[in-house]
Amino acid sequence: MKILVIVHPNSKREAVEKDLLENLHVYLNQPPLEGRANRAAILALADYFKTNKSNIRLLSGAKSKYKLFEIIE
């Protein structure tokens, strides 16, 4: 399954939420430096979808707030 995620680094809270248009927003405490926010987003998505972090891959958007992830089930 492929999902488009909007990542918000440097947030005060950590959460994964859907908006009214069913877009997935990931709020992270980590800064967007050296891939920290990407790794934190993978951990947050793994917790949200109740799967291992090894089942989640970042396909595109490593330096963008719009990221495409693949979740292997």
Protein backbone atom coordinates (compact mmCIF):
# COMPACT_ATOMS: atom_id res chain seq x y z
CA MET A 1 0.00 0.00 0.00
CA LYS A 2 1.34 3.44 -0.89
CA ILE A 3 0.35 6.50 1.10
CA LEU A 4 1.06 10.20 0.72
CA VAL A 5 2.00 11.84 4.01
CA ILE A 6 2.45 15.49 4.95
CA VAL A 7 5.20 15.77 7.57
CA HIS A 8 5.41 18.65 10.05
CA PRO A 9 8.86 18.60 11.72
CA ASN A 10 9.72 20.64 14.84
CA SER A 11 6.16 20.38 16.18
CA LYS A 12 5.39 20.74 19.85
CA ARG A 13 3.53 17.44 19.86
CA GLU A 14 3.90 14.10 18.14
CA ALA A 15 0.79 12.79 16.42
CA VAL A 16 -0.56 11.13 13.29
CA GLU A 17 -3.88 12.57 12.14
CA LYS A 18 -6.19 12.54 9.13
CA ASP A 19 -7.71 15.79 7.92
CA LEU A 20 -11.13 16.29 6.34
CA LEU A 21 -9.82 15.28 2.91
CA GLU A 22 -8.37 12.04 4.33
CA ASN A 23 -4.77 13.26 3.98
CA LEU A 24 -2.42 11.86 6.61
CA HIS A 25 -0.44 14.43 8.64
CA VAL A 26 2.51 13.39 10.81
CA TYR A 27 3.61 15.86 13.50
CA LEU A 28 7.16 15.26 14.78
CA ASN A 29 9.45 16.74 17.43
CA GLN A 30 12.55 16.01 15.34
CA PRO A 31 14.21 18.64 13.12
CA PRO A 32 14.51 18.05 9.37
CA LEU A 33 18.28 17.56 9.59
CA GLU A 34 20.32 14.53 8.50
CA GLY A 35 17.20 12.41 7.97
CA ARG A 36 16.03 12.62 11.58
CA ALA A 37 12.49 13.63 10.65
CA ASN A 38 12.30 10.86 8.04
CA ARG A 39 13.32 8.22 10.57
CA ALA A 40 10.88 9.62 13.13
CA ALA A 41 8.10 9.61 10.52
CA ILE A 42 8.75 5.92 9.82
CA LEU A 43 8.54 5.14 13.54
CA ALA A 44 5.31 7.16 13.91
CA LEU A 45 3.72 5.43 10.91
CA ALA A 46 4.77 2.01 12.20
CA ASP A 47 3.05 2.78 15.48
CA TYR A 48 -0.06 4.17 13.72
CA PHE A 49 -0.45 1.17 11.39
CA LYS A 50 0.66 -1.33 14.07
CA THR A 51 3.48 -2.83 12.00
CA ASN A 52 7.27 -3.10 12.20
CA LYS A 53 9.36 -0.18 11.01
CA SER A 54 11.10 -2.54 8.58
CA ASN A 55 7.78 -2.82 6.69
CA ILE A 56 7.75 0.90 5.87
CA ARG A 57 9.87 2.42 3.10
CA LEU A 58 10.27 6.03 2.00
CA LEU A 59 9.78 6.05 -1.77
CA SER A 60 10.06 9.76 -2.53
CA GLY A 61 10.18 13.16 -0.87
CA ALA A 62 13.24 12.75 1.34
CA LYS A 63 13.78 16.53 1.35
CA SER A 64 10.14 17.59 1.08
CA LYS A 65 7.29 17.79 3.54
CA TYR A 66 5.18 15.75 1.08
CA LYS A 67 6.44 12.18 1.28
CA LEU A 68 5.38 8.94 -0.36
CA PHE A 69 5.71 5.85 1.81
CA GLU A 70 5.16 2.21 0.98
CA ILE A 71 3.79 -0.10 3.67
CA ILE A 72 4.36 -3.80 3.14
CA GLU A 73 1.81 -6.00 4.89
